[in-house]
PDB file of N, CA and C in Angstrom:
ATOM      1  N   MET A   1     116.546  68.750 131.495  1.00  0.00           N
ATOM      2  CA  MET A   1     118.112  69.511 132.134  1.00  0.00           C
ATOM      3  C   MET A   1     117.488  69.809 133.560  1.00  0.00           C
ATOM      4  N   LYS A   2     118.399  69.795 134.358  1.00  0.00           N
ATOM      5  CA  LYS A   2     118.246  69.978 135.791  1.00  0.00           C
ATOM      6  C   LYS A   2     119.545  71.419 135.988  1.00  0.00           C
ATOM      7  N   THR A   3     118.590  72.078 136.644  1.00  0.00           N
ATOM      8  CA  THR A   3     119.843  73.596 137.497  1.00  0.00           C
ATOM      9  C   THR A   3     120.837  73.264 137.811  1.00  0.00           C
ATOM     10  N   SER A   4     121.608  73.939 137.939  1.00  0.00           N
ATOM     11  CA  SER A   4     123.244  73.685 138.541  1.00  0.00           C
ATOM     12  C   SER A   4     122.979  74.862 139.539  1.00  0.00           C
ATOM     13  N   LYS A   5     123.843  75.190 140.564  1.00  0.00           N
ATOM     14  CA  LYS A   5     124.125  75.671 141.815  1.00  0.00           C
ATOM     15  C   LYS A   5     125.127  76.985 140.546  1.00  0.00           C
ATOM     16  N   ASN A   6     124.579  78.130 140.816  1.00  0.00           N
ATOM     17  CA  ASN A   6     124.847  79.384 140.556  1.00  0.00           C
ATOM     18  C   ASN A   6     125.035  79.135 139.280  1.00  0.00           C
ATOM     19  N   ASN A   7     124.285  78.264 138.674  1.00  0.00           N
ATOM     20  CA  ASN A   7     123.962  78.921 136.744  1.00  0.00           C
ATOM     21  C   ASN A   7     123.154  80.494 136.760  1.00  0.00           C
ATOM     22  N   ILE A   8     123.998  81.149 136.268  1.00  0.00           N
ATOM     23  CA  ILE A   8     123.535  82.607 135.318  1.00  0.00           C
ATOM     24  C   ILE A   8     121.975  82.420 134.889  1.00  0.00           C
ATOM     25  N   TRP A   9     122.291  81.657 133.747  1.00  0.00           N
ATOM     26  CA  TRP A   9     121.185  81.262 132.899  1.00  0.00           C
ATOM     27  C   TRP A   9     120.384  80.554 133.196  1.00  0.00           C
ATOM     28  N   ASN A  10     119.234  80.134 133.353  1.00  0.00           N
ATOM     29  CA  ASN A  10     118.366  79.359 133.719  1.00  0.00           C
ATOM     30  C   ASN A  10     116.586  79.503 132.603  1.00  0.00           C
ATOM     31  N   PHE A  11     116.791  78.731 131.766  1.00  0.00           N
ATOM     32  CA  PHE A  11     115.173  78.946 130.796  1.00  0.00           C
ATOM     33  C   PHE A  11     114.429  78.080 130.785  1.00  0.00           C
ATOM     34  N   ASN A  12     113.181  78.707 131.527  1.00  0.00           N
ATOM     35  CA  ASN A  12     112.531  77.868 132.075  1.00  0.00           C
ATOM     36  C   ASN A  12     111.811  76.622 131.254  1.00  0.00           C
ATOM     37  N   GLU A  13     112.257  76.858 129.941  1.00  0.00           N
ATOM     38  CA  GLU A  13     111.062  75.946 129.036  1.00  0.00           C
ATOM     39  C   GLU A  13     112.203  74.047 129.218  1.00  0.00           C
ATOM     40  N   LYS A  14     113.421  74.571 129.347  1.00  0.00           N
ATOM     41  CA  LYS A  14     114.844  73.735 129.341  1.00  0.00           C
ATOM     42  C   LYS A  14     114.890  72.920 130.878  1.00  0.00           C
ATOM     43  N   ILE A  15     113.857  73.670 131.818  1.00  0.00           N
ATOM     44  CA  ILE A  15     114.301  72.847 133.340  1.00  0.00           C
ATOM     45  C   ILE A  15     113.287  71.672 133.373  1.00  0.00           C
ATOM     46  N   GLU A  16     113.641  70.190 133.568  1.00  0.00           N
ATOM     47  CA  GLU A  16     112.518  69.431 134.278  1.00  0.00           C
ATOM     48  C   GLU A  16     111.918  69.340 135.408  1.00  0.00           C
ATOM     49  N   ALA A  17     110.437  69.568 135.458  1.00  0.00           N
ATOM     50  CA  ALA A  17     109.940  69.226 136.716  1.00  0.00           C
ATOM     51  C   ALA A  17     109.978  68.091 137.195  1.00  0.00           C
ATOM     52  N   GLU A  18     109.936  67.867 138.444  1.00  0.00           N
ATOM     53  CA  GLU A  18     109.784  66.617 139.048  1.00  0.00           C
ATOM     54  C   GLU A  18     108.307  67.046 140.510  1.00  0.00           C
ATOM     55  N   VAL A  19     108.200  65.571 139.896  1.00  0.00           N
ATOM     56  CA  VAL A  19     106.528  65.347 141.037  1.00  0.00           C
ATOM     57  C   VAL A  19     107.253  65.195 142.371  1.00  0.00           C
ATOM     58  N   CYS A  20     106.240  66.440 143.380  1.00  0.00           N
ATOM     59  CA  CYS A  20     107.031  65.977 144.509  1.00  0.00           C
ATOM     60  C   CYS A  20     105.862  65.768 145.385  1.00  0.00           C
ATOM     61  N   ALA A  21     104.583  65.614 144.855  1.00  0.00           N
ATOM     62  CA  ALA A  21     103.573  65.366 145.818  1.00  0.00           C
ATOM     63  C   ALA A  21     102.107  65.001 144.914  1.00  0.00           C
ATOM     64  N   GLU A  22     101.411  63.906 145.085  1.00  0.00           N
ATOM     65  CA  GLU A  22     100.227  63.990 143.862  1.00  0.00           C
ATOM     66  C   GLU A  22      99.429  65.692 143.217  1.00  0.00           C
ATOM     67  N   GLY A  23      99.930  65.912 142.185  1.00  0.00           N
ATOM     68  CA  GLY A  23      99.225  67.381 141.575  1.00  0.00           C
ATOM     69  C   GLY A  23     100.298  68.314 141.560  1.00  0.00           C
ATOM     70  N   VAL A  24     100.992  68.012 141.888  1.00  0.00           N
ATOM     71  CA  VAL A  24     102.292  69.082 142.311  1.00  0.00           C
ATOM     72  C   VAL A  24     103.350  68.778 141.624  1.00  0.00           C
ATOM     73  N   GLU A  25     103.689  69.474 140.494  1.00  0.00           N
ATOM     74  CA  GLU A  25     104.933  69.178 140.199  1.00  0.00           C
ATOM     75  C   GLU A  25     106.284  70.582 140.625  1.00  0.00           C
ATOM     76  N   ARG A  26     107.070  70.529 140.756  1.00  0.00           N
ATOM     77  CA  ARG A  26     108.460  71.354 141.343  1.00  0.00           C
ATOM     78  C   ARG A  26     109.515  71.937 140.128  1.00  0.00           C
ATOM     79  N   LYS A  27     109.934  73.062 139.919  1.00  0.00           N
ATOM     80  CA  LYS A  27     110.920  73.471 138.881  1.00  0.00           C
ATOM     81  C   LYS A  27     111.942  74.194 139.885  1.00  0.00           C
ATOM     82  N   ILE A  28     112.776  73.642 139.587  1.00  0.00           N
ATOM     83  CA  ILE A  28     114.153  74.683 140.451  1.00  0.00           C
ATOM     84  C   ILE A  28     115.075  75.346 139.483  1.00  0.00           C
ATOM     85  N   LEU A  29     114.505  76.813 139.739  1.00  0.00           N
ATOM     86  CA  LEU A  29     114.650  77.806 139.002  1.00  0.00           C
ATOM     87  C   LEU A  29     115.916  78.190 138.698  1.00  0.00           C
ATOM     88  N   ALA A  30     116.519  78.445 139.834  1.00  0.00           N
ATOM     89  CA  ALA A  30     118.133  79.275 139.887  1.00  0.00           C
ATOM     90  C   ALA A  30     118.054  79.252 141.551  1.00  0.00           C
ATOM     91  N   TYR A  31     119.409  78.942 141.908  1.00  0.00           N
ATOM     92  CA  TYR A  31     120.228  78.625 143.358  1.00  0.00           C
ATOM     93  C   TYR A  31     121.448  78.647 143.424  1.00  0.00           C
ATOM     94  N   ALA A  32     121.797  79.455 144.431  1.00  0.00           N
ATOM     95  CA  ALA A  32     122.988  79.613 144.882  1.00  0.00           C
ATOM     96  C   ALA A  32     122.855  78.773 146.781  1.00  0.00           C
ATOM     97  N   ASP A  33     124.144  79.139 147.458  1.00  0.00           N
ATOM     98  CA  ASP A  33     123.743  78.819 148.556  1.00  0.00           C
ATOM     99  C   ASP A  33     122.899  79.801 149.651  1.00  0.00           C
ATOM    100  N   GLU A  34     123.078  80.710 149.373  1.00  0.00           N
ATOM    101  CA  GLU A  34     122.223  81.973 150.182  1.00  0.00           C
ATOM    102  C   GLU A  34     121.126  82.270 149.853  1.00  0.00           C
ATOM    103  N   MET A  35     120.472  81.633 148.359  1.00  0.00           N
ATOM    104  CA  MET A  35     119.011  81.618 147.660  1.00  0.00           C
ATOM    105  C   MET A  35     118.859  80.923 146.851  1.00  0.00           C
ATOM    106  N   MET A  36     117.282  80.271 146.410  1.00  0.00           N
ATOM    107  CA  MET A  36     116.412  79.489 146.020  1.00  0.00           C
ATOM    108  C   MET A  36     115.545  79.980 145.396  1.00  0.00           C
ATOM    109  N   CYS A  37     115.029  79.927 143.964  1.00  0.00           N
ATOM    110  CA  CYS A  37     113.702  80.366 143.426  1.00  0.00           C
ATOM    111  C   CYS A  37     113.794  78.847 142.847  1.00  0.00           C
ATOM    112  N   VAL A  38     112.166  78.516 143.305  1.00  0.00           N
ATOM    113  CA  VAL A  38     111.525  77.242 142.953  1.00  0.00           C
ATOM    114  C   VAL A  38     110.021  77.185 142.475  1.00  0.00           C
ATOM    115  N   GLU A  39     109.371  76.864 141.442  1.00  0.00           N
ATOM    116  CA  GLU A  39     108.198  77.182 140.684  1.00  0.00           C
ATOM    117  C   GLU A  39     107.365  76.187 140.696  1.00  0.00           C
ATOM    118  N   ASN A  40     106.529  76.054 141.612  1.00  0.00           N
ATOM    119  CA  ASN A  40     105.302  75.235 142.117  1.00  0.00           C
ATOM    120  C   ASN A  40     104.191  74.999 141.168  1.00  0.00           C
ATOM    121  N   HIS A  41     103.698  73.539 140.190  1.00  0.00           N
ATOM    122  CA  HIS A  41     102.455  73.728 139.956  1.00  0.00           C
ATOM    123  C   HIS A  41     101.602  73.259 140.009  1.00  0.00           C
ATOM    124  N   PHE A  42     100.497  73.502 140.637  1.00  0.00           N
ATOM    125  CA  PHE A  42      99.414  72.582 141.154  1.00  0.00           C
ATOM    126  C   PHE A  42      98.148  72.547 140.647  1.00  0.00           C
ATOM    127  N   LYS A  43      97.733  71.196 140.662  1.00  0.00           N
ATOM    128  CA  LYS A  43      96.715  70.605 139.943  1.00  0.00           C
ATOM    129  C   LYS A  43      95.177  71.379 140.744  1.00  0.00           C
ATOM    130  N   GLU A  44      94.310  71.324 140.556  1.00  0.00           N
ATOM    131  CA  GLU A  44      93.349  71.645 141.368  1.00  0.00           C
ATOM    132  C   GLU A  44      93.072  70.707 142.398  1.00  0.00           C
ATOM    133  N   GLY A  45      92.702  71.013 143.708  1.00  0.00           N
ATOM    134  CA  GLY A  45      93.061  69.771 144.590  1.00  0.00           C
ATOM    135  C   GLY A  45      93.948  69.127 145.248  1.00  0.00           C
ATOM    136  N   ALA A  46      95.295  69.825 144.613  1.00  0.00           N
ATOM    137  CA  ALA A  46      96.146  69.201 145.327  1.00  0.00           C
ATOM    138  C   ALA A  46      96.614  69.901 146.283  1.00  0.00           C
ATOM    139  N   ILE A  47      97.273  69.440 147.496  1.00  0.00           N
ATOM    140  CA  ILE A  47      97.407  69.518 148.955  1.00  0.00           C
ATOM    141  C   ILE A  47      99.598  69.505 148.796  1.00  0.00           C
ATOM    142  N   GLY A  48      99.686  70.938 149.429  1.00  0.00           N
ATOM    143  CA  GLY A  48     100.821  71.271 149.967  1.00  0.00           C
ATOM    144  C   GLY A  48     100.810  70.608 150.911  1.00  0.00           C
ATOM    145  N   ALA A  49     101.342  69.790 151.922  1.00  0.00           N
ATOM    146  CA  ALA A  49     100.952  68.937 153.189  1.00  0.00           C
ATOM    147  C   ALA A  49     101.715  69.999 154.307  1.00  0.00           C
ATOM    148  N   MET A  50     101.134  70.280 154.848  1.00  0.00           N
ATOM    149  CA  MET A  50     101.716  71.064 156.406  1.00  0.00           C
ATOM    150  C   MET A  50     102.778  70.374 156.374  1.00  0.00           C
ATOM    151  N   HIS A  51     103.664  71.452 156.966  1.00  0.00           N
ATOM    152  CA  HIS A  51     105.340  71.080 157.149  1.00  0.00           C
ATOM    153  C   HIS A  51     105.979  72.485 157.858  1.00  0.00           C
ATOM    154  N   HIS A  52     106.952  72.379 158.041  1.00  0.00           N
ATOM    155  CA  HIS A  52     108.098  73.891 158.381  1.00  0.00           C
ATOM    156  C   HIS A  52     109.654  72.821 158.090  1.00  0.00           C
ATOM    157  N   HIS A  53     110.271  73.993 157.820  1.00  0.00           N
ATOM    158  CA  HIS A  53     111.791  73.970 157.453  1.00  0.00           C
ATOM    159  C   HIS A  53     113.003  74.950 158.165  1.00  0.00           C
ATOM    160  N   PRO A  54     114.115  75.079 158.195  1.00  0.00           N
ATOM    161  CA  PRO A  54     115.080  76.186 158.993  1.00  0.00           C
ATOM    162  C   PRO A  54     115.269  76.896 157.965  1.00  0.00           C
ATOM    163  N   HIS A  55     113.908  77.420 157.426  1.00  0.00           N
ATOM    164  CA  HIS A  55     114.598  78.128 156.270  1.00  0.00           C
ATOM    165  C   HIS A  55     113.126  79.477 156.192  1.00  0.00           C
ATOM    166  N   THR A  56     114.076  80.907 155.533  1.00  0.00           N
ATOM    167  CA  THR A  56     112.646  81.682 155.225  1.00  0.00           C
ATOM    168  C   THR A  56     112.459  81.582 153.662  1.00  0.00           C
ATOM    169  N   GLN A  57     111.073  81.786 153.327  1.00  0.00           N
ATOM    170  CA  GLN A  57     110.406  81.596 152.208  1.00  0.00           C
ATOM    171  C   GLN A  57     109.435  82.224 151.968  1.00  0.00           C
ATOM    172  N   ILE A  58     109.443  83.146 150.886  1.00  0.00           N
ATOM    173  CA  ILE A  58     108.536  84.160 150.139  1.00  0.00           C
ATOM    174  C   ILE A  58     107.532  83.450 149.346  1.00  0.00           C
ATOM    175  N   THR A  59     106.336  83.430 149.227  1.00  0.00           N
ATOM    176  CA  THR A  59     105.511  82.667 148.305  1.00  0.00           C
ATOM    177  C   THR A  59     105.102  83.850 147.219  1.00  0.00           C
ATOM    178  N   TYR A  60     104.815  84.092 145.994  1.00  0.00           N
ATOM    179  CA  TYR A  60     104.441  84.471 145.368  1.00  0.00           C
ATOM    180  C   TYR A  60     103.559  83.934 144.312  1.00  0.00           C
ATOM    181  N   VAL A  61     102.078  83.796 144.469  1.00  0.00           N
ATOM    182  CA  VAL A  61     100.839  83.665 143.782  1.00  0.00           C
ATOM    183  C   VAL A  61     100.597  83.862 142.319  1.00  0.00           C
ATOM    184  N   VAL A  62     101.550  82.826 141.420  1.00  0.00           N
ATOM    185  CA  VAL A  62     101.739  83.753 140.112  1.00  0.00           C
ATOM    186  C   VAL A  62     100.067  83.381 139.776  1.00  0.00           C
ATOM    187  N   SER A  63      99.528  81.990 139.595  1.00  0.00           N
ATOM    188  CA  SER A  63      98.098  81.768 139.217  1.00  0.00           C
ATOM    189  C   SER A  63      97.053  81.389 140.172  1.00  0.00           C
ATOM    190  N   GLY A  64      95.989  80.939 139.784  1.00  0.00           N
ATOM    191  CA  GLY A  64      95.529  79.746 140.810  1.00  0.00           C
ATOM    192  C   GLY A  64      94.482  80.267 141.924  1.00  0.00           C
ATOM    193  N   GLN A  65      94.264  80.125 142.454  1.00  0.00           N
ATOM    194  CA  GLN A  65      93.803  80.369 144.019  1.00  0.00           C
ATOM    195  C   GLN A  65      93.926  78.837 145.203  1.00  0.00           C
ATOM    196  N   PHE A  66      94.326  79.552 146.069  1.00  0.00           N
ATOM    197  CA  PHE A  66      94.770  78.685 147.028  1.00  0.00           C
ATOM    198  C   PHE A  66      94.429  78.804 148.620  1.00  0.00           C
ATOM    199  N   GLU A  67      93.988  77.924 149.394  1.00  0.00           N
ATOM    200  CA  GLU A  67      93.981  78.264 150.572  1.00  0.00           C
ATOM    201  C   GLU A  67      95.044  77.854 151.624  1.00  0.00           C
ATOM    202  N   PHE A  68      95.630  78.895 152.297  1.00  0.00           N
ATOM    203  CA  PHE A  68      97.413  78.788 152.884  1.00  0.00           C
ATOM    204  C   PHE A  68      96.588  78.772 154.291  1.00  0.00           C
ATOM    205  N   THR A  69      97.447  77.880 155.236  1.00  0.00           N
ATOM    206  CA  THR A  69      97.328  78.042 156.652  1.00  0.00           C
ATOM    207  C   THR A  69      98.750  78.081 156.812  1.00  0.00           C
ATOM    208  N   ILE A  70      98.732  79.510 157.346  1.00  0.00           N
ATOM    209  CA  ILE A  70     100.577  79.688 158.008  1.00  0.00           C
ATOM    210  C   ILE A  70     100.435  79.907 159.663  1.00  0.00           C
ATOM    211  N   ASP A  71     101.029  79.254 160.464  1.00  0.00           N
ATOM    212  CA  ASP A  71     100.868  79.017 161.969  1.00  0.00           C
ATOM    213  C   ASP A  71      99.506  79.542 162.284  1.00  0.00           C
ATOM    214  N   GLY A  72      98.697  78.401 161.770  1.00  0.00           N
ATOM    215  CA  GLY A  72      97.394  77.934 162.158  1.00  0.00           C
ATOM    216  C   GLY A  72      95.973  79.596 161.773  1.00  0.00           C
ATOM    217  N   GLU A  73      96.813  79.632 161.254  1.00  0.00           N
ATOM    218  CA  GLU A  73      96.223  81.028 160.214  1.00  0.00           C
ATOM    219  C   GLU A  73      95.651  80.754 159.002  1.00  0.00           C
ATOM    220  N   LYS A  74      94.415  80.476 158.356  1.00  0.00           N
ATOM    221  CA  LYS A  74      93.745  80.204 156.984  1.00  0.00           C
ATOM    222  C   LYS A  74      93.364  81.592 156.475  1.00  0.00           C
ATOM    223  N   LYS A  75      93.643  81.209 155.108  1.00  0.00           N
ATOM    224  CA  LYS A  75      93.260  82.663 154.248  1.00  0.00           C
ATOM    225  C   LYS A  75      93.345  82.095 152.828  1.00  0.00           C
ATOM    226  N   ILE A  76      93.236  82.464 151.754  1.00  0.00           N
ATOM    227  CA  ILE A  76      92.488  82.168 150.755  1.00  0.00           C
ATOM    228  C   ILE A  76      93.718  83.243 149.648  1.00  0.00           C
ATOM    229  N   VAL A  77      94.281  83.264 148.810  1.00  0.00           N
ATOM    230  CA  VAL A  77      95.111  83.609 148.363  1.00  0.00           C
ATOM    231  C   VAL A  77      94.857  83.712 146.757  1.00  0.00           C
ATOM    232  N   ASN A  78      95.389  84.649 145.913  1.00  0.00           N
ATOM    233  CA  ASN A  78      95.255  85.068 144.369  1.00  0.00           C
ATOM    234  C   ASN A  78      96.131  85.489 143.975  1.00  0.00           C
ATOM    235  N   PRO A  79      95.971  85.397 142.452  1.00  0.00           N
ATOM    236  CA  PRO A  79      97.264  85.690 141.482  1.00  0.00           C
ATOM    237  C   PRO A  79      97.782  87.032 142.452  1.00  0.00           C
ATOM    238  N   GLY A  80      99.224  87.866 142.335  1.00  0.00           N
ATOM    239  CA  GLY A  80      99.345  88.575 143.175  1.00  0.00           C
ATOM    240  C   GLY A  80      99.672  88.953 144.499  1.00  0.00           C
ATOM    241  N   ASP A  81      98.842  87.916 145.059  1.00  0.00           N
ATOM    242  CA  ASP A  81      99.321  87.848 146.731  1.00  0.00           C
ATOM    243  C   ASP A  81     100.566  87.453 147.063  1.00  0.00           C
ATOM    244  N   THR A  82     101.373  87.950 148.257  1.00  0.00           N
ATOM    245  CA  THR A  82     102.643  87.340 148.415  1.00  0.00           C
ATOM    246  C   THR A  82     102.459  87.036 150.055  1.00  0.00           C
ATOM    247  N   LEU A  83     103.022  85.849 150.209  1.00  0.00           N
ATOM    248  CA  LEU A  83     103.208  84.973 151.861  1.00  0.00           C
ATOM    249  C   LEU A  83     104.408  84.881 152.441  1.00  0.00           C
ATOM    250  N   LEU A  84     105.119  85.704 153.453  1.00  0.00           N
ATOM    251  CA  LEU A  84     105.948  85.564 154.246  1.00  0.00           C
ATOM    252  C   LEU A  84     106.367  84.489 154.997  1.00  0.00           C
ATOM    253  N   LYS A  85     106.992  83.123 154.981  1.00  0.00           N
ATOM    254  CA  LYS A  85     106.773  82.390 156.179  1.00  0.00           C
ATOM    255  C   LYS A  85     108.337  81.875 157.018  1.00  0.00           C
ATOM    256  N   ARG A  86     108.064  82.405 157.921  1.00  0.00           N
ATOM    257  CA  ARG A  86     109.537  82.379 158.813  1.00  0.00           C
ATOM    258  C   ARG A  86     109.688  81.070 158.793  1.00  0.00           C
ATOM    259  N   ASN A  87     111.374  81.509 159.138  1.00  0.00           N
ATOM    260  CA  ASN A  87     111.609  79.408 159.509  1.00  0.00           C
ATOM    261  C   ASN A  87     110.966  79.017 160.435  1.00  0.00           C
ATOM    262  N   SER A  88     110.961  77.872 160.118  1.00  0.00           N
ATOM    263  CA  SER A  88     110.377  77.086 161.323  1.00  0.00           C
ATOM    264  C   SER A  88     108.860  77.293 162.091  1.00  0.00           C
ATOM    265  N   ILE A  89     108.169  77.633 161.165  1.00  0.00           N
ATOM    266  CA  ILE A  89     106.644  77.948 161.221  1.00  0.00           C
ATOM    267  C   ILE A  89     106.097  76.777 160.293  1.00  0.00           C
ATOM    268  N   GLU A  90     105.086  76.535 160.644  1.00  0.00           N
ATOM    269  CA  GLU A  90     104.030  75.434 160.351  1.00  0.00           C
ATOM    270  C   GLU A  90     103.694  75.982 159.196  1.00  0.00           C
ATOM    271  N   HIS A  91     103.311  75.588 157.709  1.00  0.00           N
ATOM    272  CA  HIS A  91     102.367  75.885 156.793  1.00  0.00           C
ATOM    273  C   HIS A  91     101.970  74.708 155.849  1.00  0.00           C
ATOM    274  N   GLY A  92     101.148  75.068 154.962  1.00  0.00           N
ATOM    275  CA  GLY A  92     101.019  74.104 153.764  1.00  0.00           C
ATOM    276  C   GLY A  92      99.650  74.746 152.985  1.00  0.00           C
ATOM    277  N   CYS A  93      99.090  74.350 152.171  1.00  0.00           N
ATOM    278  CA  CYS A  93      98.180  74.648 151.013  1.00  0.00           C
ATOM    279  C   CYS A  93      97.160  73.683 150.672  1.00  0.00           C
ATOM    280  N   ILE A  94      95.949  74.228 150.252  1.00  0.00           N
ATOM    281  CA  ILE A  94      95.240  73.491 149.442  1.00  0.00           C
ATOM    282  C   ILE A  94      95.078  74.124 147.903  1.00  0.00           C
ATOM    283  N   CYS A  95      95.144  73.638 146.942  1.00  0.00           N
ATOM    284  CA  CYS A  95      94.876  73.986 145.427  1.00  0.00           C
ATOM    285  C   CYS A  95      93.610  74.117 145.059  1.00  0.00           C
ATOM    286  N   LEU A  96      92.839  75.627 145.330  1.00  0.00           N
ATOM    287  CA  LEU A  96      90.944  75.445 144.952  1.00  0.00           C
ATOM    288  C   LEU A  96      91.130  75.499 142.720  1.00  0.00           C
ATOM    289  N   LYS A  97      91.954  76.373 143.187  1.00  0.00           N
ATOM    290  CA  LYS A  97      92.145  76.531 141.366  1.00  0.00           C
ATOM    291  C   LYS A  97      93.450  76.373 140.780  1.00  0.00           C
ATOM    292  N   GLU A  98      93.242  75.645 139.682  1.00  0.00           N
ATOM    293  CA  GLU A  98      94.734  75.062 139.525  1.00  0.00           C
ATOM    294  C   GLU A  98      95.898  76.237 139.004  1.00  0.00           C
ATOM    295  N   GLY A  99      96.475  76.130 139.527  1.00  0.00           N
ATOM    296  CA  GLY A  99      98.100  77.127 139.511  1.00  0.00           C
ATOM    297  C   GLY A  99      99.588  77.224 140.255  1.00  0.00           C
ATOM    298  N   ILE A 100     100.110  78.340 139.841  1.00  0.00           N
ATOM    299  CA  ILE A 100     101.524  78.125 140.118  1.00  0.00           C
ATOM    300  C   ILE A 100     101.916  78.804 141.375  1.00  0.00           C
ATOM    301  N   LEU A 101     102.635  78.589 142.185  1.00  0.00           N
ATOM    302  CA  LEU A 101     103.537  79.648 142.978  1.00  0.00           C
ATOM    303  C   LEU A 101     104.914  79.374 142.957  1.00  0.00           C
ATOM    304  N   LEU A 102     105.683  80.848 143.269  1.00  0.00           N
ATOM    305  CA  LEU A 102     106.568  81.083 142.918  1.00  0.00           C
ATOM    306  C   LEU A 102     107.273  81.181 144.290  1.00  0.00           C
ATOM    307  N   ASP A 103     108.344  80.158 145.039  1.00  0.00           N
ATOM    308  CA  ASP A 103     108.863  79.862 146.327  1.00  0.00           C
ATOM    309  C   ASP A 103     110.523  80.646 145.843  1.00  0.00           C
ATOM    310  N   ILE A 104     110.921  81.654 146.799  1.00  0.00           N
ATOM    311  CA  ILE A 104     111.932  82.227 147.336  1.00  0.00           C
ATOM    312  C   ILE A 104     112.593  81.308 148.577  1.00  0.00           C
ATOM    313  N   PHE A 105     113.513  80.916 148.560  1.00  0.00           N
ATOM    314  CA  PHE A 105     114.119  80.570 149.742  1.00  0.00           C
ATOM    315  C   PHE A 105     115.434  81.303 150.492  1.00  0.00           C
ATOM    316  N   ASN A 106     115.671  80.920 151.557  1.00  0.00           N
ATOM    317  CA  ASN A 106     116.669  81.480 152.257  1.00  0.00           C
ATOM    318  C   ASN A 106     117.136  80.821 153.637  1.00  0.00           C
ATOM    319  N   PRO A 107     118.380  80.191 153.254  1.00  0.00           N
ATOM    320  CA  PRO A 107     119.369  79.880 152.461  1.00  0.00           C
ATOM    321  C   PRO A 107     118.784  78.333 151.667  1.00  0.00           C
ATOM    322  N   MET A 108     119.306  78.462 150.408  1.00  0.00           N
ATOM    323  CA  MET A 108     118.893  77.452 149.432  1.00  0.00           C
ATOM    324  C   MET A 108     118.486  76.439 150.457  1.00  0.00           C
ATOM    325  N   ARG A 109     117.098  75.530 149.779  1.00  0.00           N
ATOM    326  CA  ARG A 109     117.033  74.393 150.167  1.00  0.00           C
ATOM    327  C   ARG A 109     117.401  72.740 149.327  1.00  0.00           C
ATOM    328  N   GLU A 110     118.629  72.283 150.309  1.00  0.00           N
ATOM    329  CA  GLU A 110     119.846  71.495 150.238  1.00  0.00           C
ATOM    330  C   GLU A 110     118.983  69.720 149.676  1.00  0.00           C
ATOM    331  N   GLU A 111     118.380  69.680 150.216  1.00  0.00           N
ATOM    332  CA  GLU A 111     117.247  68.936 150.204  1.00  0.00           C
ATOM    333  C   GLU A 111     116.618  68.509 148.731  1.00  0.00           C
ATOM    334  N   PHE A 112     116.173  69.443 147.917  1.00  0.00           N
ATOM    335  CA  PHE A 112     116.111  69.233 146.758  1.00  0.00           C
ATOM    336  C   PHE A 112     116.845  69.453 145.703  1.00  0.00           C
ATOM    337  N   VAL A 113     117.974  69.683 145.905  1.00  0.00           N
ATOM    338  CA  VAL A 113     118.891  69.098 144.789  1.00  0.00           C
ATOM    339  C   VAL A 113     119.926  67.903 145.374  1.00  0.00           C
ATOM    340  N   LYS A 114     119.263  66.734 146.329  1.00  0.00           N
ATOM    341  CA  LYS A 114     120.004  66.213 146.058  1.00  0.00           C
ATOM    342  C   LYS A 114     119.809  64.620 145.598  1.00  0.00           C
TER     343      LYS A 114
END
C-alpha cells in the first residue's frame, strides 16, 4: 500500500518500501502539503548521494551508524542523534552500520509521490 496525502492513520507494516538507491529503501509514512515523514532503511555500505533540495529537512537516527556530510562538514552519527539540513544545503551520507533514518521535510517532497 502507498500512503495517501492527508491520511490520518498510516500503519508501517502496510506501507510498501521503494528502492531509491542500491542498498536504500524508502517508506513514505505520512504527509500533507506542509510536511512529510519518511523512513529510510540503509544496508551497510549504502550511500545517500550528495544532493540538495529546496526543503528544510530534519533527520533522526533511529538505528545504525552513518557518516554524514552537511555543507562540507563530516560527522559520524549514531542512534538518537538529530541533524538539521536547511533548504538548499548540500548533504549526503554513507551507512557504516545497517540502520534506519527518519526524515521530516518542510514542505513535502512532491517528487517522492509522483
